[in-house]
């Protein structure tokens, strides 16, 4: 089960926030036993890029086989 402060991977793009599938965020709040999550997405220098409320199906936990990848944020 995903809990607060866990890192998660976005499963689908969120065009309005400039986020793409594969972006990594941190859970800052869990709603209704994991039905939804408030997730903060940060740039690598620590600035908040977006905060989004996401359904459980829109994210997955980070696994030990995931690799960090860098891309430039495009703001909508």
PDB file of N, CA and C in Angstrom:
ATOM      1  N   UNK A   1       0.830  -1.177   0.000  1.00  0.00           N
ATOM      2  CA  UNK A   1       0.000   0.000   0.000  1.00  0.00           C
ATOM      3  C   UNK A   1       0.882   1.251   0.000  1.00  0.00           C
ATOM      4  N   UNK A   2       0.514   2.212  -0.810  1.00  0.00           N
ATOM      5  CA  UNK A   2       1.227   3.489  -0.885  1.00  0.00           C
ATOM      6  C   UNK A   2       0.844   4.325   0.334  1.00  0.00           C
ATOM      7  N   UNK A   3       1.852   4.956   0.952  1.00  0.00           N
ATOM      8  CA  UNK A   3       1.586   5.796   2.112  1.00  0.00           C
ATOM      9  C   UNK A   3       2.250   7.156   1.963  1.00  0.00           C
ATOM     10  N   UNK A   4       1.923   8.062   2.892  1.00  0.00           N
ATOM     11  CA  UNK A   4       2.517   9.399   2.834  1.00  0.00           C
ATOM     12  C   UNK A   4       4.037   9.315   2.812  1.00  0.00           C
ATOM     13  N   UNK A   5       4.626  10.184   2.021  1.00  0.00           N
ATOM     14  CA  UNK A   5       6.071  10.323   1.839  1.00  0.00           C
ATOM     15  C   UNK A   5       6.683   9.265   0.920  1.00  0.00           C
ATOM     16  N   UNK A   6       5.868   8.334   0.412  1.00  0.00           N
ATOM     17  CA  UNK A   6       6.369   7.379  -0.580  1.00  0.00           C
ATOM     18  C   UNK A   6       6.536   8.086  -1.921  1.00  0.00           C
ATOM     19  N   UNK A   7       7.513   7.652  -2.675  1.00  0.00           N
ATOM     20  CA  UNK A   7       7.661   8.126  -4.051  1.00  0.00           C
ATOM     21  C   UNK A   7       6.787   7.256  -4.944  1.00  0.00           C
ATOM     22  N   UNK A   8       6.163   7.898  -5.925  1.00  0.00           N
ATOM     23  CA  UNK A   8       5.301   7.185  -6.858  1.00  0.00           C
ATOM     24  C   UNK A   8       5.622   7.625  -8.277  1.00  0.00           C
ATOM     25  N   UNK A   9       5.248   6.775  -9.228  1.00  0.00           N
ATOM     26  CA  UNK A   9       5.457   7.048 -10.643  1.00  0.00           C
ATOM     27  C   UNK A   9       4.105   7.326 -11.277  1.00  0.00           C
ATOM     28  N   UNK A  10       4.026   8.377 -12.052  1.00  0.00           N
ATOM     29  CA  UNK A  10       2.803   8.745 -12.746  1.00  0.00           C
ATOM     30  C   UNK A  10       2.578   7.793 -13.923  1.00  0.00           C
ATOM     31  N   UNK A  11       1.379   7.210 -13.998  1.00  0.00           N
ATOM     32  CA  UNK A  11       1.053   6.268 -15.079  1.00  0.00           C
ATOM     33  C   UNK A  11       0.539   6.945 -16.346  1.00  0.00           C
ATOM     34  N   UNK A  12      -0.035   8.129 -16.202  1.00  0.00           N
ATOM     35  CA  UNK A  12      -0.626   8.835 -17.345  1.00  0.00           C
ATOM     36  C   UNK A  12      -0.165  10.283 -17.347  1.00  0.00           C
ATOM     37  N   UNK A  13      -0.089  10.873 -18.516  1.00  0.00           N
ATOM     38  CA  UNK A  13       0.304  12.281 -18.630  1.00  0.00           C
ATOM     39  C   UNK A  13      -0.782  13.178 -18.044  1.00  0.00           C
ATOM     40  N   UNK A  14      -0.354  14.276 -17.440  1.00  0.00           N
ATOM     41  CA  UNK A  14      -1.253  15.330 -16.966  1.00  0.00           C
ATOM     42  C   UNK A  14      -0.853  16.606 -17.702  1.00  0.00           C
ATOM     43  N   UNK A  15      -1.427  16.801 -18.873  1.00  0.00           N
ATOM     44  CA  UNK A  15      -1.000  17.889 -19.749  1.00  0.00           C
ATOM     45  C   UNK A  15      -1.149  19.263 -19.120  1.00  0.00           C
ATOM     46  N   UNK A  16      -2.202  19.492 -18.364  1.00  0.00           N
ATOM     47  CA  UNK A  16      -2.403  20.809 -17.753  1.00  0.00           C
ATOM     48  C   UNK A  16      -1.321  21.158 -16.747  1.00  0.00           C
ATOM     49  N   UNK A  17      -0.711  20.142 -16.152  1.00  0.00           N
ATOM     50  CA  UNK A  17       0.363  20.367 -15.182  1.00  0.00           C
ATOM     51  C   UNK A  17       1.747  20.243 -15.812  1.00  0.00           C
ATOM     52  N   UNK A  18       1.818  19.868 -17.089  1.00  0.00           N
ATOM     53  CA  UNK A  18       3.102  19.689 -17.755  1.00  0.00           C
ATOM     54  C   UNK A  18       3.804  18.409 -17.362  1.00  0.00           C
ATOM     55  N   UNK A  19       3.053  17.435 -16.834  1.00  0.00           N
ATOM     56  CA  UNK A  19       3.649  16.175 -16.391  1.00  0.00           C
ATOM     57  C   UNK A  19       3.428  15.073 -17.405  1.00  0.00           C
ATOM     58  N   UNK A  20       4.378  14.156 -17.468  1.00  0.00           N
ATOM     59  CA  UNK A  20       4.311  13.035 -18.397  1.00  0.00           C
ATOM     60  C   UNK A  20       4.320  11.718 -17.630  1.00  0.00           C
ATOM     61  N   UNK A  21       3.788  10.687 -18.258  1.00  0.00           N
ATOM     62  CA  UNK A  21       3.868   9.350 -17.666  1.00  0.00           C
ATOM     63  C   UNK A  21       5.339   9.048 -17.387  1.00  0.00           C
ATOM     64  N   UNK A  22       5.605   8.494 -16.227  1.00  0.00           N
ATOM     65  CA  UNK A  22       6.979   8.203 -15.833  1.00  0.00           C
ATOM     66  C   UNK A  22       7.563   9.223 -14.882  1.00  0.00           C
ATOM     67  N   UNK A  23       6.942  10.403 -14.754  1.00  0.00           N
ATOM     68  CA  UNK A  23       7.438  11.391 -13.804  1.00  0.00           C
ATOM     69  C   UNK A  23       7.248  10.861 -12.381  1.00  0.00           C
ATOM     70  N   UNK A  24       8.167  11.235 -11.505  1.00  0.00           N
ATOM     71  CA  UNK A  24       8.169  10.743 -10.130  1.00  0.00           C
ATOM     72  C   UNK A  24       7.748  11.864  -9.186  1.00  0.00           C
ATOM     73  N   UNK A  25       6.844  11.523  -8.269  1.00  0.00           N
ATOM     74  CA  UNK A  25       6.394  12.490  -7.275  1.00  0.00           C
ATOM     75  C   UNK A  25       6.407  11.867  -5.895  1.00  0.00           C
ATOM     76  N   UNK A  26       6.091  12.686  -4.896  1.00  0.00           N
ATOM     77  CA  UNK A  26       6.041  12.242  -3.507  1.00  0.00           C
ATOM     78  C   UNK A  26       4.622  12.421  -2.978  1.00  0.00           C
ATOM     79  N   UNK A  27       4.101  11.378  -2.355  1.00  0.00           N
ATOM     80  CA  UNK A  27       2.750  11.433  -1.789  1.00  0.00           C
ATOM     81  C   UNK A  27       2.780  12.332  -0.555  1.00  0.00           C
ATOM     82  N   UNK A  28       1.920  13.352  -0.544  1.00  0.00           N
ATOM     83  CA  UNK A  28       1.841  14.249   0.607  1.00  0.00           C
ATOM     84  C   UNK A  28       0.551  14.044   1.396  1.00  0.00           C
ATOM     85  N   UNK A  29      -0.401  13.307   0.824  1.00  0.00           N
ATOM     86  CA  UNK A  29      -1.634  12.973   1.547  1.00  0.00           C
ATOM     87  C   UNK A  29      -2.285  11.758   0.899  1.00  0.00           C
ATOM     88  N   UNK A  30      -2.861  10.893   1.727  1.00  0.00           N
ATOM     89  CA  UNK A  30      -3.581   9.704   1.255  1.00  0.00           C
ATOM     90  C   UNK A  30      -5.058   9.901   1.572  1.00  0.00           C
ATOM     91  N   UNK A  31      -5.917   9.728   0.563  1.00  0.00           N
ATOM     92  CA  UNK A  31      -7.360   9.854   0.737  1.00  0.00           C
ATOM     93  C   UNK A  31      -8.023   8.483   0.796  1.00  0.00           C
ATOM     94  N   UNK A  32      -8.967   8.312   1.706  1.00  0.00           N
ATOM     95  CA  UNK A  32      -9.833   7.129   1.800  1.00  0.00           C
ATOM     96  C   UNK A  32      -9.097   5.813   1.608  1.00  0.00           C
ATOM     97  N   UNK A  33      -8.164   5.539   2.476  1.00  0.00           N
ATOM     98  CA  UNK A  33      -7.433   4.265   2.459  1.00  0.00           C
ATOM     99  C   UNK A  33      -6.804   3.939   1.109  1.00  0.00           C
ATOM    100  N   UNK A  34      -6.287   4.942   0.430  1.00  0.00           N
ATOM    101  CA  UNK A  34      -5.566   4.709  -0.809  1.00  0.00           C
ATOM    102  C   UNK A  34      -6.390   4.788  -2.077  1.00  0.00           C
ATOM    103  N   UNK A  35      -7.608   5.315  -2.011  1.00  0.00           N
ATOM    104  CA  UNK A  35      -8.405   5.495  -3.230  1.00  0.00           C
ATOM    105  C   UNK A  35      -7.843   6.621  -4.098  1.00  0.00           C
ATOM    106  N   UNK A  36      -7.203   7.601  -3.441  1.00  0.00           N
ATOM    107  CA  UNK A  36      -6.612   8.737  -4.157  1.00  0.00           C
ATOM    108  C   UNK A  36      -5.444   9.275  -3.338  1.00  0.00           C
ATOM    109  N   UNK A  37      -4.622  10.077  -4.014  1.00  0.00           N
ATOM    110  CA  UNK A  37      -3.418  10.621  -3.380  1.00  0.00           C
ATOM    111  C   UNK A  37      -3.203  12.060  -3.808  1.00  0.00           C
ATOM    112  N   UNK A  38      -2.687  12.868  -2.897  1.00  0.00           N
ATOM    113  CA  UNK A  38      -2.175  14.188  -3.229  1.00  0.00           C
ATOM    114  C   UNK A  38      -0.684  13.987  -3.437  1.00  0.00           C
ATOM    115  N   UNK A  39      -0.200  14.333  -4.630  1.00  0.00           N
ATOM    116  CA  UNK A  39       1.197  14.047  -4.976  1.00  0.00           C
ATOM    117  C   UNK A  39       1.888  15.338  -5.393  1.00  0.00           C
ATOM    118  N   UNK A  40       3.065  15.574  -4.836  1.00  0.00           N
ATOM    119  CA  UNK A  40       3.872  16.735  -5.201  1.00  0.00           C
ATOM    120  C   UNK A  40       4.985  16.278  -6.137  1.00  0.00           C
ATOM    121  N   UNK A  41       5.138  17.006  -7.224  1.00  0.00           N
ATOM    122  CA  UNK A  41       6.192  16.743  -8.201  1.00  0.00           C
ATOM    123  C   UNK A  41       7.186  17.890  -8.128  1.00  0.00           C
ATOM    124  N   UNK A  42       8.461  17.547  -7.940  1.00  0.00           N
ATOM    125  CA  UNK A  42       9.520  18.539  -7.763  1.00  0.00           C
ATOM    126  C   UNK A  42      10.518  18.492  -8.907  1.00  0.00           C
ATOM    127  N   UNK A  43      11.102  19.662  -9.205  1.00  0.00           N
ATOM    128  CA  UNK A  43      12.252  19.679 -10.099  1.00  0.00           C
ATOM    129  C   UNK A  43      13.446  19.167  -9.294  1.00  0.00           C
ATOM    130  N   UNK A  44      14.517  18.808  -9.956  1.00  0.00           N
ATOM    131  CA  UNK A  44      15.670  18.252  -9.247  1.00  0.00           C
ATOM    132  C   UNK A  44      16.361  19.258  -8.337  1.00  0.00           C
ATOM    133  N   UNK A  45      16.113  20.560  -8.538  1.00  0.00           N
ATOM    134  CA  UNK A  45      16.692  21.544  -7.623  1.00  0.00           C
ATOM    135  C   UNK A  45      15.747  21.892  -6.474  1.00  0.00           C
ATOM    136  N   UNK A  46      14.643  21.133  -6.338  1.00  0.00           N
ATOM    137  CA  UNK A  46      13.781  21.260  -5.180  1.00  0.00           C
ATOM    138  C   UNK A  46      12.582  22.170  -5.300  1.00  0.00           C
ATOM    139  N   UNK A  47      12.321  22.731  -6.473  1.00  0.00           N
ATOM    140  CA  UNK A  47      11.164  23.592  -6.663  1.00  0.00           C
ATOM    141  C   UNK A  47       9.935  22.758  -7.037  1.00  0.00           C
ATOM    142  N   UNK A  48       8.798  23.129  -6.473  1.00  0.00           N
ATOM    143  CA  UNK A  48       7.557  22.417  -6.783  1.00  0.00           C
ATOM    144  C   UNK A  48       7.143  22.707  -8.211  1.00  0.00           C
ATOM    145  N   UNK A  49       6.979  21.663  -9.002  1.00  0.00           N
ATOM    146  CA  UNK A  49       6.517  21.799 -10.382  1.00  0.00           C
ATOM    147  C   UNK A  49       5.002  21.689 -10.443  1.00  0.00           C
ATOM    148  N   UNK A  50       4.422  20.817  -9.597  1.00  0.00           N
ATOM    149  CA  UNK A  50       2.970  20.625  -9.586  1.00  0.00           C
ATOM    150  C   UNK A  50       2.578  19.856  -8.335  1.00  0.00           C
ATOM    151  N   UNK A  51       1.350  20.078  -7.914  1.00  0.00           N
ATOM    152  CA  UNK A  51       0.716  19.268  -6.880  1.00  0.00           C
ATOM    153  C   UNK A  51      -0.609  18.835  -7.462  1.00  0.00           C
ATOM    154  N   UNK A  52      -0.865  17.531  -7.472  1.00  0.00           N
ATOM    155  CA  UNK A  52      -2.069  17.004  -8.117  1.00  0.00           C
ATOM    156  C   UNK A  52      -2.746  15.966  -7.232  1.00  0.00           C
ATOM    157  N   UNK A  53      -4.076  15.962  -7.271  1.00  0.00           N
ATOM    158  CA  UNK A  53      -4.854  14.910  -6.624  1.00  0.00           C
ATOM    159  C   UNK A  53      -5.101  13.839  -7.672  1.00  0.00           C
ATOM    160  N   UNK A  54      -4.651  12.621  -7.393  1.00  0.00           N
ATOM    161  CA  UNK A  54      -4.670  11.550  -8.393  1.00  0.00           C
ATOM    162  C   UNK A  54      -5.390  10.323  -7.865  1.00  0.00           C
ATOM    163  N   UNK A  55      -6.143   9.674  -8.730  1.00  0.00           N
ATOM    164  CA  UNK A  55      -6.744   8.384  -8.391  1.00  0.00           C
ATOM    165  C   UNK A  55      -5.643   7.341  -8.274  1.00  0.00           C
ATOM    166  N   UNK A  56      -5.918   6.291  -7.520  1.00  0.00           N
ATOM    167  CA  UNK A  56      -4.928   5.237  -7.317  1.00  0.00           C
ATOM    168  C   UNK A  56      -4.441   4.643  -8.638  1.00  0.00           C
ATOM    169  N   UNK A  57      -5.302   4.592  -9.641  1.00  0.00           N
ATOM    170  CA  UNK A  57      -4.917   4.015 -10.934  1.00  0.00           C
ATOM    171  C   UNK A  57      -3.944   4.896 -11.716  1.00  0.00           C
ATOM    172  N   UNK A  58      -3.778   6.135 -11.310  1.00  0.00           N
ATOM    173  CA  UNK A  58      -2.906   7.060 -12.036  1.00  0.00           C
ATOM    174  C   UNK A  58      -1.457   7.007 -11.568  1.00  0.00           C
ATOM    175  N   UNK A  59      -1.190   6.287 -10.478  1.00  0.00           N
ATOM    176  CA  UNK A  59       0.181   6.184  -9.965  1.00  0.00           C
ATOM    177  C   UNK A  59       0.493   4.747  -9.580  1.00  0.00           C
ATOM    178  N   UNK A  60       1.784   4.485  -9.474  1.00  0.00           N
ATOM    179  CA  UNK A  60       2.234   3.192  -8.966  1.00  0.00           C
ATOM    180  C   UNK A  60       3.432   3.447  -8.072  1.00  0.00           C
ATOM    181  N   UNK A  61       3.709   2.533  -7.166  1.00  0.00           N
ATOM    182  CA  UNK A  61       4.889   2.719  -6.305  1.00  0.00           C
ATOM    183  C   UNK A  61       6.181   2.641  -7.123  1.00  0.00           C
ATOM    184  N   UNK A  62       7.199   3.313  -6.646  1.00  0.00           N
ATOM    185  CA  UNK A  62       8.539   3.198  -7.224  1.00  0.00           C
ATOM    186  C   UNK A  62       9.066   1.804  -6.881  1.00  0.00           C
ATOM    187  N   UNK A  63       9.742   1.180  -7.829  1.00  0.00           N
ATOM    188  CA  UNK A  63      10.342  -0.131  -7.577  1.00  0.00           C
ATOM    189  C   UNK A  63      11.862  -0.023  -7.637  1.00  0.00           C
ATOM    190  N   UNK A  64      12.519  -1.058  -7.193  1.00  0.00           N
ATOM    191  CA  UNK A  64      13.986  -1.037  -7.193  1.00  0.00           C
ATOM    192  C   UNK A  64      14.568  -1.133  -8.597  1.00  0.00           C
ATOM    193  N   UNK A  65      13.752  -1.412  -9.595  1.00  0.00           N
ATOM    194  CA  UNK A  65      14.235  -1.478 -10.977  1.00  0.00           C
ATOM    195  C   UNK A  65      14.010  -0.178 -11.742  1.00  0.00           C
ATOM    196  N   UNK A  66      13.393   0.829 -11.093  1.00  0.00           N
ATOM    197  CA  UNK A  66      13.158   2.115 -11.746  1.00  0.00           C
ATOM    198  C   UNK A  66      14.441   2.937 -11.766  1.00  0.00           C
ATOM    199  N   UNK A  67      14.606   3.685 -12.838  1.00  0.00           N
ATOM    200  CA  UNK A  67      15.796   4.504 -13.034  1.00  0.00           C
ATOM    201  C   UNK A  67      15.374   5.953 -13.227  1.00  0.00           C
ATOM    202  N   UNK A  68      16.053   6.884 -12.558  1.00  0.00           N
ATOM    203  CA  UNK A  68      15.754   8.301 -12.731  1.00  0.00           C
ATOM    204  C   UNK A  68      16.192   8.751 -14.122  1.00  0.00           C
ATOM    205  N   UNK A  69      15.377   9.593 -14.736  1.00  0.00           N
ATOM    206  CA  UNK A  69      15.658  10.118 -16.066  1.00  0.00           C
ATOM    207  C   UNK A  69      15.336  11.603 -16.050  1.00  0.00           C
ATOM    208  N   UNK A  70      16.118  12.413 -16.712  1.00  0.00           N
ATOM    209  CA  UNK A  70      15.912  13.862 -16.689  1.00  0.00           C
ATOM    210  C   UNK A  70      15.292  14.326 -18.004  1.00  0.00           C
ATOM    211  N   UNK A  71      14.314  15.228 -17.871  1.00  0.00           N
ATOM    212  CA  UNK A  71      13.728  15.924 -19.007  1.00  0.00           C
ATOM    213  C   UNK A  71      13.428  17.339 -18.554  1.00  0.00           C
ATOM    214  N   UNK A  72      13.338  18.261 -19.487  1.00  0.00           N
ATOM    215  CA  UNK A  72      13.026  19.644 -19.135  1.00  0.00           C
ATOM    216  C   UNK A  72      11.515  19.813 -19.006  1.00  0.00           C
ATOM    217  N   UNK A  73      11.092  20.457 -17.935  1.00  0.00           N
ATOM    218  CA  UNK A  73       9.671  20.708 -17.686  1.00  0.00           C
ATOM    219  C   UNK A  73       9.150  21.744 -18.672  1.00  0.00           C
ATOM    220  N   UNK A  74       8.044  21.383 -19.306  1.00  0.00           N
ATOM    221  CA  UNK A  74       7.351  22.330 -20.202  1.00  0.00           C
ATOM    222  C   UNK A  74       6.073  22.764 -19.518  1.00  0.00           C
ATOM    223  N   UNK A  75       5.969  24.025 -19.214  1.00  0.00           N
ATOM    224  CA  UNK A  75       4.791  24.537 -18.519  1.00  0.00           C
ATOM    225  C   UNK A  75       3.691  24.816 -19.531  1.00  0.00           C
ATOM    226  N   UNK A  76       2.483  24.332 -19.208  1.00  0.00           N
ATOM    227  CA  UNK A  76       1.331  24.515 -20.108  1.00  0.00           C
ATOM    228  C   UNK A  76       0.869  25.951 -20.123  1.00  0.00           C
TER     229      UNK A  76
END
